[in-house]
All heavy atoms as atom14 arrays in JSON, in Angstrom:
{
  "sequence": "ILSLNGKPLGEFPLDKERITIGRRPTHDIHIDNLAVSGDHAAIVSI",
  "atom14_mask": [
    [1, 1, 1, 1, 1, 1, 1, 1, 0, 0, 0, 0, 0, 0],
    [1, 1, 1, 1, 1, 1, 1, 1, 0, 0, 0, 0, 0, 0],
    [1, 1, 1, 1, 1, 1, 0, 0, 0, 0, 0, 0, 0, 0],
    [1, 1, 1, 1, 1, 1, 1, 1, 0, 0, 0, 0, 0, 0],
    [1, 1, 1, 1, 1, 1, 1, 1, 0, 0, 0, 0, 0, 0],
    [1, 1, 1, 1, 0, 0, 0, 0, 0, 0, 0, 0, 0, 0],
    [1, 1, 1, 1, 1, 1, 1, 1, 1, 0, 0, 0, 0, 0],
    [1, 1, 1, 1, 1, 1, 1, 0, 0, 0, 0, 0, 0, 0],
    [1, 1, 1, 1, 1, 1, 1, 1, 0, 0, 0, 0, 0, 0],
    [1, 1, 1, 1, 0, 0, 0, 0, 0, 0, 0, 0, 0, 0],
    [1, 1, 1, 1, 1, 1, 1, 1, 1, 0, 0, 0, 0, 0],
    [1, 1, 1, 1, 1, 1, 1, 1, 1, 1, 1, 0, 0, 0],
    [1, 1, 1, 1, 1, 1, 1, 0, 0, 0, 0, 0, 0, 0],
    [1, 1, 1, 1, 1, 1, 1, 1, 0, 0, 0, 0, 0, 0],
    [1, 1, 1, 1, 1, 1, 1, 1, 0, 0, 0, 0, 0, 0],
    [1, 1, 1, 1, 1, 1, 1, 1, 1, 0, 0, 0, 0, 0],
    [1, 1, 1, 1, 1, 1, 1, 1, 1, 0, 0, 0, 0, 0],
    [1, 1, 1, 1, 1, 1, 1, 1, 1, 1, 1, 0, 0, 0],
    [1, 1, 1, 1, 1, 1, 1, 1, 0, 0, 0, 0, 0, 0],
    [1, 1, 1, 1, 1, 1, 1, 0, 0, 0, 0, 0, 0, 0],
    [1, 1, 1, 1, 1, 1, 1, 1, 0, 0, 0, 0, 0, 0],
    [1, 1, 1, 1, 0, 0, 0, 0, 0, 0, 0, 0, 0, 0],
    [1, 1, 1, 1, 1, 1, 1, 1, 1, 1, 1, 0, 0, 0],
    [1, 1, 1, 1, 1, 1, 1, 1, 1, 1, 1, 0, 0, 0],
    [1, 1, 1, 1, 1, 1, 1, 0, 0, 0, 0, 0, 0, 0],
    [1, 1, 1, 1, 1, 1, 1, 0, 0, 0, 0, 0, 0, 0],
    [1, 1, 1, 1, 1, 1, 1, 1, 1, 1, 0, 0, 0, 0],
    [1, 1, 1, 1, 1, 1, 1, 1, 0, 0, 0, 0, 0, 0],
    [1, 1, 1, 1, 1, 1, 1, 1, 0, 0, 0, 0, 0, 0],
    [1, 1, 1, 1, 1, 1, 1, 1, 1, 1, 0, 0, 0, 0],
    [1, 1, 1, 1, 1, 1, 1, 1, 0, 0, 0, 0, 0, 0],
    [1, 1, 1, 1, 1, 1, 1, 1, 0, 0, 0, 0, 0, 0],
    [1, 1, 1, 1, 1, 1, 1, 1, 0, 0, 0, 0, 0, 0],
    [1, 1, 1, 1, 1, 1, 1, 1, 0, 0, 0, 0, 0, 0],
    [1, 1, 1, 1, 1, 0, 0, 0, 0, 0, 0, 0, 0, 0],
    [1, 1, 1, 1, 1, 1, 1, 0, 0, 0, 0, 0, 0, 0],
    [1, 1, 1, 1, 1, 1, 0, 0, 0, 0, 0, 0, 0, 0],
    [1, 1, 1, 1, 0, 0, 0, 0, 0, 0, 0, 0, 0, 0],
    [1, 1, 1, 1, 1, 1, 1, 1, 0, 0, 0, 0, 0, 0],
    [1, 1, 1, 1, 1, 1, 1, 1, 1, 1, 0, 0, 0, 0],
    [1, 1, 1, 1, 1, 0, 0, 0, 0, 0, 0, 0, 0, 0],
    [1, 1, 1, 1, 1, 0, 0, 0, 0, 0, 0, 0, 0, 0],
    [1, 1, 1, 1, 1, 1, 1, 1, 0, 0, 0, 0, 0, 0],
    [1, 1, 1, 1, 1, 1, 1, 0, 0, 0, 0, 0, 0, 0],
    [1, 1, 1, 1, 1, 1, 0, 0, 0, 0, 0, 0, 0, 0],
    [1, 1, 1, 1, 1, 1, 1, 1, 0, 0, 0, 0, 0, 0]
  ],
  "atom14_positions": [
    [[-34.41, 123.28, -161.2], [-33.14, 122.56, -161.25], [-32.14, 123.33, -160.38], [-31.79, 124.48, -160.68], [-32.63, 122.43, -162.69], [-33.64, 121.65, -163.54], [-31.27, 121.73, -162.71], [-33.27, 121.57, -165.01], [0.0, 0.0, 0.0], [0.0, 0.0, 0.0], [0.0, 0.0, 0.0], [0.0, 0.0, 0.0], [0.0, 0.0, 0.0], [0.0, 0.0, 0.0]],
    [[-31.72, 122.71, -159.31], [-30.8, 123.34, -158.35], [-29.36, 123.01, -158.73], [-29.03, 121.86, -159.03], [-31.1, 122.84, -156.94], [-30.17, 123.3, -155.81], [-30.31, 124.79, -155.57], [-30.49, 122.51, -154.52], [0.0, 0.0, 0.0], [0.0, 0.0, 0.0], [0.0, 0.0, 0.0], [0.0, 0.0, 0.0], [0.0, 0.0, 0.0], [0.0, 0.0, 0.0]],
    [[-28.49, 124.04, -158.7], [-27.07, 123.81, -159.02], [-26.19, 124.74, -158.19], [-26.64, 125.75, -157.66], [-26.83, 124.03, -160.52], [-27.07, 125.37, -160.88], [0.0, 0.0, 0.0], [0.0, 0.0, 0.0], [0.0, 0.0, 0.0], [0.0, 0.0, 0.0], [0.0, 0.0, 0.0], [0.0, 0.0, 0.0], [0.0, 0.0, 0.0], [0.0, 0.0, 0.0]],
    [[-24.93, 124.37, -158.12], [-23.91, 125.17, -157.43], [-22.66, 125.16, -158.28], [-22.12, 124.08, -158.58], [-23.64, 124.61, -156.04], [-22.52, 125.29, -155.23], [-22.9, 126.73, -154.92], [-22.24, 124.52, -153.93], [0.0, 0.0, 0.0], [0.0, 0.0, 0.0], [0.0, 0.0, 0.0], [0.0, 0.0, 0.0], [0.0, 0.0, 0.0], [0.0, 0.0, 0.0]],
    [[-22.23, 126.35, -158.69], [-21.04, 126.49, -159.54], [-21.15, 125.63, -160.81], [-20.17, 125.0, -161.24], [-19.77, 126.12, -158.76], [-19.54, 127.03, -157.57], [-19.85, 128.22, -157.61], [-19.01, 126.47, -156.49], [0.0, 0.0, 0.0], [0.0, 0.0, 0.0], [0.0, 0.0, 0.0], [0.0, 0.0, 0.0], [0.0, 0.0, 0.0], [0.0, 0.0, 0.0]],
    [[-22.34, 125.58, -161.35], [-22.56, 124.85, -162.59], [-22.79, 123.36, -162.43], [-23.06, 122.66, -163.41], [0.0, 0.0, 0.0], [0.0, 0.0, 0.0], [0.0, 0.0, 0.0], [0.0, 0.0, 0.0], [0.0, 0.0, 0.0], [0.0, 0.0, 0.0], [0.0, 0.0, 0.0], [0.0, 0.0, 0.0], [0.0, 0.0, 0.0], [0.0, 0.0, 0.0]],
    [[-22.68, 122.84, -161.2], [-22.88, 121.41, -160.94], [-24.31, 121.16, -160.48], [-24.73, 121.66, -159.43], [-21.9, 120.93, -159.88], [-22.03, 119.44, -159.57], [-21.07, 119.02, -158.47], [-21.22, 117.54, -158.13], [-20.28, 117.12, -157.05], [0.0, 0.0, 0.0], [0.0, 0.0, 0.0], [0.0, 0.0, 0.0], [0.0, 0.0, 0.0], [0.0, 0.0, 0.0]],
    [[-25.09, 120.36, -161.22], [-26.47, 120.07, -160.82], [-26.52, 119.33, -159.48], [-25.76, 118.4, -159.25], [-27.0, 119.21, -161.96], [-26.1, 119.48, -163.12], [-24.75, 119.75, -162.51], [0.0, 0.0, 0.0], [0.0, 0.0, 0.0], [0.0, 0.0, 0.0], [0.0, 0.0, 0.0], [0.0, 0.0, 0.0], [0.0, 0.0, 0.0], [0.0, 0.0, 0.0]],
    [[-27.44, 119.74, -158.61], [-27.59, 119.12, -157.3], [-28.94, 118.4, -157.15], [-29.11, 117.64, -156.19], [-27.45, 120.16, -156.19], [-26.12, 120.91, -156.12], [-26.16, 121.94, -155.0], [-24.96, 119.93, -155.93], [0.0, 0.0, 0.0], [0.0, 0.0, 0.0], [0.0, 0.0, 0.0], [0.0, 0.0, 0.0], [0.0, 0.0, 0.0], [0.0, 0.0, 0.0]],
    [[-29.85, 118.66, -158.07], [-31.15, 117.98, -157.95], [-32.23, 118.7, -158.72], [-32.08, 119.87, -159.1], [0.0, 0.0, 0.0], [0.0, 0.0, 0.0], [0.0, 0.0, 0.0], [0.0, 0.0, 0.0], [0.0, 0.0, 0.0], [0.0, 0.0, 0.0], [0.0, 0.0, 0.0], [0.0, 0.0, 0.0], [0.0, 0.0, 0.0], [0.0, 0.0, 0.0]],
    [[-33.32, 117.98, -158.98], [-34.49, 118.54, -159.65], [-35.7, 118.4, -158.73], [-35.86, 117.39, -158.06], [-34.76, 117.83, -160.98], [-33.66, 118.03, -162.01], [-34.04, 117.46, -163.38], [-35.2, 116.99, -163.52], [-33.19, 117.51, -164.28], [0.0, 0.0, 0.0], [0.0, 0.0, 0.0], [0.0, 0.0, 0.0], [0.0, 0.0, 0.0], [0.0, 0.0, 0.0]],
    [[-36.55, 119.43, -158.73], [-37.69, 119.47, -157.83], [-38.95, 119.84, -158.61], [-39.06, 120.97, -159.11], [-37.45, 120.49, -156.71], [-36.21, 120.22, -155.9], [-34.97, 120.72, -156.32], [-36.26, 119.47, -154.74], [-33.81, 120.47, -155.59], [-35.12, 119.22, -154.01], [-33.89, 119.71, -154.43], [0.0, 0.0, 0.0], [0.0, 0.0, 0.0], [0.0, 0.0, 0.0]],
    [[-39.9, 118.91, -158.77], [-41.13, 119.23, -159.48], [-41.99, 120.2, -158.68], [-42.07, 120.11, -157.45], [-41.82, 117.87, -159.63], [-41.28, 117.05, -158.5], [-39.87, 117.51, -158.29], [0.0, 0.0, 0.0], [0.0, 0.0, 0.0], [0.0, 0.0, 0.0], [0.0, 0.0, 0.0], [0.0, 0.0, 0.0], [0.0, 0.0, 0.0], [0.0, 0.0, 0.0]],
    [[-42.6, 121.15, -159.37], [-43.5, 122.1, -158.71], [-44.9, 121.51, -158.72], [-45.79, 121.94, -159.46], [-43.43, 123.45, -159.43], [-42.04, 124.09, -159.47], [-42.07, 125.44, -160.18], [-41.46, 124.24, -158.07], [0.0, 0.0, 0.0], [0.0, 0.0, 0.0], [0.0, 0.0, 0.0], [0.0, 0.0, 0.0], [0.0, 0.0, 0.0], [0.0, 0.0, 0.0]],
    [[-45.11, 120.52, -157.87], [-46.33, 119.73, -157.88], [-47.26, 120.08, -156.72], [-48.21, 119.35, -156.43], [-46.01, 118.24, -157.85], [-45.08, 117.86, -156.7], [-44.7, 118.76, -155.9], [-44.73, 116.67, -156.59], [0.0, 0.0, 0.0], [0.0, 0.0, 0.0], [0.0, 0.0, 0.0], [0.0, 0.0, 0.0], [0.0, 0.0, 0.0], [0.0, 0.0, 0.0]],
    [[-46.99, 121.2, -156.03], [-47.85, 121.65, -154.94], [-48.15, 123.13, -155.14], [-47.48, 123.83, -155.89], [-47.18, 121.45, -153.59], [-46.83, 120.01, -153.27], [-46.48, 119.84, -151.79], [-45.3, 120.7, -151.37], [-44.92, 120.48, -149.95], [0.0, 0.0, 0.0], [0.0, 0.0, 0.0], [0.0, 0.0, 0.0], [0.0, 0.0, 0.0], [0.0, 0.0, 0.0]],
    [[-49.18, 123.62, -154.45], [-49.54, 125.04, -154.57], [-48.45, 125.94, -153.99], [-48.3, 127.08, -154.42], [-50.87, 125.32, -153.87], [-52.08, 124.71, -154.57], [-53.38, 125.14, -153.95], [-53.35, 126.06, -153.1], [-54.43, 124.58, -154.29], [0.0, 0.0, 0.0], [0.0, 0.0, 0.0], [0.0, 0.0, 0.0], [0.0, 0.0, 0.0], [0.0, 0.0, 0.0]],
    [[-47.69, 125.43, -153.03], [-46.64, 126.23, -152.39], [-45.41, 125.35, -152.16], [-45.51, 124.32, -151.48], [-47.14, 126.83, -151.08], [-46.14, 127.73, -150.36], [-46.76, 128.27, -149.08], [-45.82, 129.05, -148.3], [-45.6, 130.35, -148.43], [-46.27, 131.02, -149.36], [-44.73, 130.99, -147.67], [0.0, 0.0, 0.0], [0.0, 0.0, 0.0], [0.0, 0.0, 0.0]],
    [[-44.29, 125.75, -152.73], [-43.01, 125.07, -152.54], [-42.09, 126.02, -151.78], [-41.87, 127.16, -152.2], [-42.36, 124.71, -153.9], [-43.27, 123.77, -154.71], [-40.98, 124.1, -153.69], [-43.39, 122.38, -154.15], [0.0, 0.0, 0.0], [0.0, 0.0, 0.0], [0.0, 0.0, 0.0], [0.0, 0.0, 0.0], [0.0, 0.0, 0.0], [0.0, 0.0, 0.0]],
    [[-41.57, 125.58, -150.64], [-40.73, 126.45, -149.82], [-39.25, 126.13, -150.02], [-38.87, 125.0, -150.31], [-41.09, 126.32, -148.34], [-40.95, 124.95, -147.92], [-42.53, 126.76, -148.1], [0.0, 0.0, 0.0], [0.0, 0.0, 0.0], [0.0, 0.0, 0.0], [0.0, 0.0, 0.0], [0.0, 0.0, 0.0], [0.0, 0.0, 0.0], [0.0, 0.0, 0.0]],
    [[-38.44, 127.17, -149.82], [-37.0, 127.07, -150.03], [-36.3, 127.66, -148.8], [-36.67, 128.75, -148.34], [-36.56, 127.85, -151.28], [-37.37, 127.41, -152.51], [-35.07, 127.7, -151.54], [-37.2, 128.33, -153.7], [0.0, 0.0, 0.0], [0.0, 0.0, 0.0], [0.0, 0.0, 0.0], [0.0, 0.0, 0.0], [0.0, 0.0, 0.0], [0.0, 0.0, 0.0]],
    [[-35.3, 126.96, -148.27], [-34.58, 127.51, -147.14], [-33.57, 126.54, -146.56], [-33.41, 125.41, -147.04], [0.0, 0.0, 0.0], [0.0, 0.0, 0.0], [0.0, 0.0, 0.0], [0.0, 0.0, 0.0], [0.0, 0.0, 0.0], [0.0, 0.0, 0.0], [0.0, 0.0, 0.0], [0.0, 0.0, 0.0], [0.0, 0.0, 0.0], [0.0, 0.0, 0.0]],
    [[-32.89, 127.01, -145.52], [-31.84, 126.21, -144.9], [-32.39, 125.15, -143.94], [-31.71, 124.17, -143.65], [-30.86, 127.13, -144.15], [-29.51, 126.46, -143.84], [-28.49, 127.44, -143.26], [-28.84, 127.89, -141.93], [-29.19, 129.12, -141.62], [-29.25, 130.06, -142.57], [-29.48, 129.46, -140.37], [0.0, 0.0, 0.0], [0.0, 0.0, 0.0], [0.0, 0.0, 0.0]],
    [[-33.61, 125.36, -143.47], [-34.2, 124.36, -142.57], [-34.48, 123.07, -143.36], [-34.97, 123.11, -144.49], [-35.5, 124.88, -141.97], [-35.36, 126.16, -141.17], [-36.7, 126.54, -140.55], [-36.69, 127.91, -140.07], [-36.2, 128.3, -138.9], [-35.67, 127.39, -138.09], [-36.24, 129.58, -138.54], [0.0, 0.0, 0.0], [0.0, 0.0, 0.0], [0.0, 0.0, 0.0]],
    [[-34.19, 121.92, -142.78], [-34.36, 120.66, -143.5], [-35.82, 120.31, -143.81], [-36.07, 119.4, -144.59], [-33.73, 119.62, -142.57], [-33.72, 120.26, -141.22], [-33.57, 121.73, -141.45], [0.0, 0.0, 0.0], [0.0, 0.0, 0.0], [0.0, 0.0, 0.0], [0.0, 0.0, 0.0], [0.0, 0.0, 0.0], [0.0, 0.0, 0.0], [0.0, 0.0, 0.0]],
    [[-36.75, 121.03, -143.19], [-38.16, 120.75, -143.44], [-38.67, 121.35, -144.74], [-39.8, 121.06, -145.15], [-39.01, 121.29, -142.28], [-38.71, 122.68, -142.09], [-38.72, 120.53, -140.99], [0.0, 0.0, 0.0], [0.0, 0.0, 0.0], [0.0, 0.0, 0.0], [0.0, 0.0, 0.0], [0.0, 0.0, 0.0], [0.0, 0.0, 0.0], [0.0, 0.0, 0.0]],
    [[-37.86, 122.18, -145.42], [-38.33, 122.84, -146.64], [-38.33, 121.87, -147.82], [-37.56, 120.9, -147.86], [-37.47, 124.07, -146.95], [-37.75, 125.23, -146.05], [-38.97, 125.85, -146.01], [-36.97, 125.88, -145.15], [-38.94, 126.83, -145.12], [-37.73, 126.86, -144.58], [0.0, 0.0, 0.0], [0.0, 0.0, 0.0], [0.0, 0.0, 0.0], [0.0, 0.0, 0.0]],
    [[-39.2, 122.17, -148.79], [-39.28, 121.32, -149.99], [-37.96, 121.33, -150.75], [-37.52, 120.3, -151.27], [-40.41, 121.81, -150.9], [-41.76, 121.77, -150.22], [-42.2, 120.67, -149.86], [-42.36, 122.85, -150.02], [0.0, 0.0, 0.0], [0.0, 0.0, 0.0], [0.0, 0.0, 0.0], [0.0, 0.0, 0.0], [0.0, 0.0, 0.0], [0.0, 0.0, 0.0]],
    [[-37.35, 122.51, -150.87], [-36.02, 122.64, -151.47], [-35.07, 123.08, -150.36], [-35.05, 124.24, -149.96], [-36.02, 123.63, -152.65], [-37.02, 123.18, -153.71], [-34.62, 123.75, -153.25], [-37.12, 124.13, -154.9], [0.0, 0.0, 0.0], [0.0, 0.0, 0.0], [0.0, 0.0, 0.0], [0.0, 0.0, 0.0], [0.0, 0.0, 0.0], [0.0, 0.0, 0.0]],
    [[-34.31, 122.1, -149.85], [-33.42, 122.35, -148.71], [-32.04, 122.69, -149.23], [-31.43, 121.91, -149.97], [-33.37, 121.09, -147.83], [-32.35, 121.18, -146.74], [-31.52, 120.11, -146.42], [-32.0, 122.2, -145.92], [-30.73, 120.47, -145.43], [-30.99, 121.73, -145.11], [0.0, 0.0, 0.0], [0.0, 0.0, 0.0], [0.0, 0.0, 0.0], [0.0, 0.0, 0.0]],
    [[-31.53, 123.89, -148.84], [-30.19, 124.32, -149.25], [-29.39, 124.57, -147.97], [-29.61, 125.56, -147.27], [-30.23, 125.59, -150.12], [-31.15, 125.38, -151.33], [-28.83, 125.97, -150.57], [-31.31, 126.62, -152.19], [0.0, 0.0, 0.0], [0.0, 0.0, 0.0], [0.0, 0.0, 0.0], [0.0, 0.0, 0.0], [0.0, 0.0, 0.0], [0.0, 0.0, 0.0]],
    [[-28.48, 123.69, -147.67], [-27.71, 123.75, -146.43], [-26.48, 124.62, -146.64], [-25.37, 124.13, -146.89], [-27.31, 122.34, -146.0], [-26.67, 122.32, -144.61], [-26.73, 123.36, -143.93], [-26.12, 121.28, -144.22], [0.0, 0.0, 0.0], [0.0, 0.0, 0.0], [0.0, 0.0, 0.0], [0.0, 0.0, 0.0], [0.0, 0.0, 0.0], [0.0, 0.0, 0.0]],
    [[-26.71, 125.94, -146.53], [-25.61, 126.89, -146.72], [-25.92, 128.12, -145.88], [-27.07, 128.58, -145.84], [-25.49, 127.26, -148.2], [-24.27, 128.13, -148.47], [-24.29, 129.33, -148.21], [-23.22, 127.52, -149.0], [0.0, 0.0, 0.0], [0.0, 0.0, 0.0], [0.0, 0.0, 0.0], [0.0, 0.0, 0.0], [0.0, 0.0, 0.0], [0.0, 0.0, 0.0]],
    [[-24.89, 128.68, -145.22], [-25.11, 129.81, -144.32], [-25.58, 131.06, -145.04], [-26.13, 131.98, -144.42], [-23.82, 130.1, -143.53], [-23.41, 129.02, -142.52], [-22.09, 129.41, -141.86], [-24.51, 128.83, -141.47], [0.0, 0.0, 0.0], [0.0, 0.0, 0.0], [0.0, 0.0, 0.0], [0.0, 0.0, 0.0], [0.0, 0.0, 0.0], [0.0, 0.0, 0.0]],
    [[-25.37, 131.15, -146.35], [-25.85, 132.31, -147.1], [-27.35, 132.25, -147.34], [-27.95, 133.23, -147.79], [-25.12, 132.41, -148.45], [0.0, 0.0, 0.0], [0.0, 0.0, 0.0], [0.0, 0.0, 0.0], [0.0, 0.0, 0.0], [0.0, 0.0, 0.0], [0.0, 0.0, 0.0], [0.0, 0.0, 0.0], [0.0, 0.0, 0.0], [0.0, 0.0, 0.0]],
    [[-27.95, 131.12, -147.03], [-29.38, 130.91, -147.23], [-30.09, 131.02, -145.88], [-29.66, 130.4, -144.9], [-29.64, 129.52, -147.86], [-31.14, 129.29, -148.06], [-28.89, 129.39, -149.17], [0.0, 0.0, 0.0], [0.0, 0.0, 0.0], [0.0, 0.0, 0.0], [0.0, 0.0, 0.0], [0.0, 0.0, 0.0], [0.0, 0.0, 0.0], [0.0, 0.0, 0.0]],
    [[-31.16, 131.8, -145.83], [-31.91, 131.95, -144.58], [-32.68, 130.68, -144.26], [-32.96, 129.87, -145.15], [-32.87, 133.14, -144.68], [-32.17, 134.35, -144.82], [0.0, 0.0, 0.0], [0.0, 0.0, 0.0], [0.0, 0.0, 0.0], [0.0, 0.0, 0.0], [0.0, 0.0, 0.0], [0.0, 0.0, 0.0], [0.0, 0.0, 0.0], [0.0, 0.0, 0.0]],
    [[-33.02, 130.54, -142.98], [-33.8, 129.38, -142.57], [-35.08, 129.25, -143.36], [-35.44, 128.17, -143.83], [0.0, 0.0, 0.0], [0.0, 0.0, 0.0], [0.0, 0.0, 0.0], [0.0, 0.0, 0.0], [0.0, 0.0, 0.0], [0.0, 0.0, 0.0], [0.0, 0.0, 0.0], [0.0, 0.0, 0.0], [0.0, 0.0, 0.0], [0.0, 0.0, 0.0]],
    [[-35.81, 130.34, -143.49], [-37.0, 130.42, -144.33], [-36.71, 131.49, -145.39], [-36.87, 132.68, -145.12], [-38.23, 130.79, -143.52], [-38.48, 129.82, -142.37], [-38.47, 128.61, -142.62], [-38.66, 130.28, -141.22], [0.0, 0.0, 0.0], [0.0, 0.0, 0.0], [0.0, 0.0, 0.0], [0.0, 0.0, 0.0], [0.0, 0.0, 0.0], [0.0, 0.0, 0.0]],
    [[-36.27, 131.09, -146.55], [-35.72, 132.05, -147.51], [-36.74, 132.53, -148.54], [-36.93, 133.74, -148.73], [-34.52, 131.43, -148.24], [-33.65, 132.46, -148.9], [-32.41, 132.82, -148.39], [-33.83, 133.2, -150.02], [-31.88, 133.74, -149.17], [-32.73, 133.99, -150.17], [0.0, 0.0, 0.0], [0.0, 0.0, 0.0], [0.0, 0.0, 0.0], [0.0, 0.0, 0.0]],
    [[-37.4, 131.6, -149.23], [-38.29, 131.99, -150.31], [-39.34, 130.92, -150.52], [-39.28, 129.83, -149.95], [-37.5, 132.22, -151.61], [0.0, 0.0, 0.0], [0.0, 0.0, 0.0], [0.0, 0.0, 0.0], [0.0, 0.0, 0.0], [0.0, 0.0, 0.0], [0.0, 0.0, 0.0], [0.0, 0.0, 0.0], [0.0, 0.0, 0.0], [0.0, 0.0, 0.0]],
    [[-40.34, 131.25, -151.34], [-41.39, 130.29, -151.66], [-41.82, 130.49, -153.11], [-41.75, 131.6, -153.64], [-42.59, 130.45, -150.73], [0.0, 0.0, 0.0], [0.0, 0.0, 0.0], [0.0, 0.0, 0.0], [0.0, 0.0, 0.0], [0.0, 0.0, 0.0], [0.0, 0.0, 0.0], [0.0, 0.0, 0.0], [0.0, 0.0, 0.0], [0.0, 0.0, 0.0]],
    [[-42.24, 129.4, -153.74], [-42.8, 129.45, -155.08], [-44.27, 129.07, -154.96], [-44.61, 127.98, -154.48], [-42.07, 128.49, -156.04], [-40.6, 128.92, -156.17], [-42.74, 128.48, -157.41], [-39.75, 127.95, -156.97], [0.0, 0.0, 0.0], [0.0, 0.0, 0.0], [0.0, 0.0, 0.0], [0.0, 0.0, 0.0], [0.0, 0.0, 0.0], [0.0, 0.0, 0.0]],
    [[-45.13, 129.98, -155.38], [-46.57, 129.81, -155.25], [-47.18, 129.6, -156.63], [-46.86, 130.34, -157.58], [-47.21, 131.03, -154.56], [-48.73, 130.84, -154.44], [-46.59, 131.23, -153.18], [0.0, 0.0, 0.0], [0.0, 0.0, 0.0], [0.0, 0.0, 0.0], [0.0, 0.0, 0.0], [0.0, 0.0, 0.0], [0.0, 0.0, 0.0], [0.0, 0.0, 0.0]],
    [[-48.05, 128.61, -156.75], [-48.71, 128.31, -158.02], [-50.1, 128.91, -158.04], [-50.9, 128.68, -157.12], [-48.8, 126.79, -158.22], [-49.63, 126.48, -159.32], [0.0, 0.0, 0.0], [0.0, 0.0, 0.0], [0.0, 0.0, 0.0], [0.0, 0.0, 0.0], [0.0, 0.0, 0.0], [0.0, 0.0, 0.0], [0.0, 0.0, 0.0], [0.0, 0.0, 0.0]],
    [[-50.4, 129.7, -159.07], [-51.74, 130.22, -159.32], [-52.06, 129.93, -160.77], [-51.46, 130.51, -161.67], [-51.85, 131.73, -159.01], [-51.5, 132.0, -157.56], [-53.25, 132.23, -159.34], [-51.58, 133.46, -157.17], [0.0, 0.0, 0.0], [0.0, 0.0, 0.0], [0.0, 0.0, 0.0], [0.0, 0.0, 0.0], [0.0, 0.0, 0.0], [0.0, 0.0, 0.0]]
  ]
}
């Protein structure tokens, strides 16, 4: 569940082995903010 200053912005199911997070619009969880790197983080399912 993604939020900013307590305001929910969206929900993202972890339905793949790898979910990517970053500022690039191609990421599964896209966060358009300069504090976020283009390729910031990933959630891996094992």
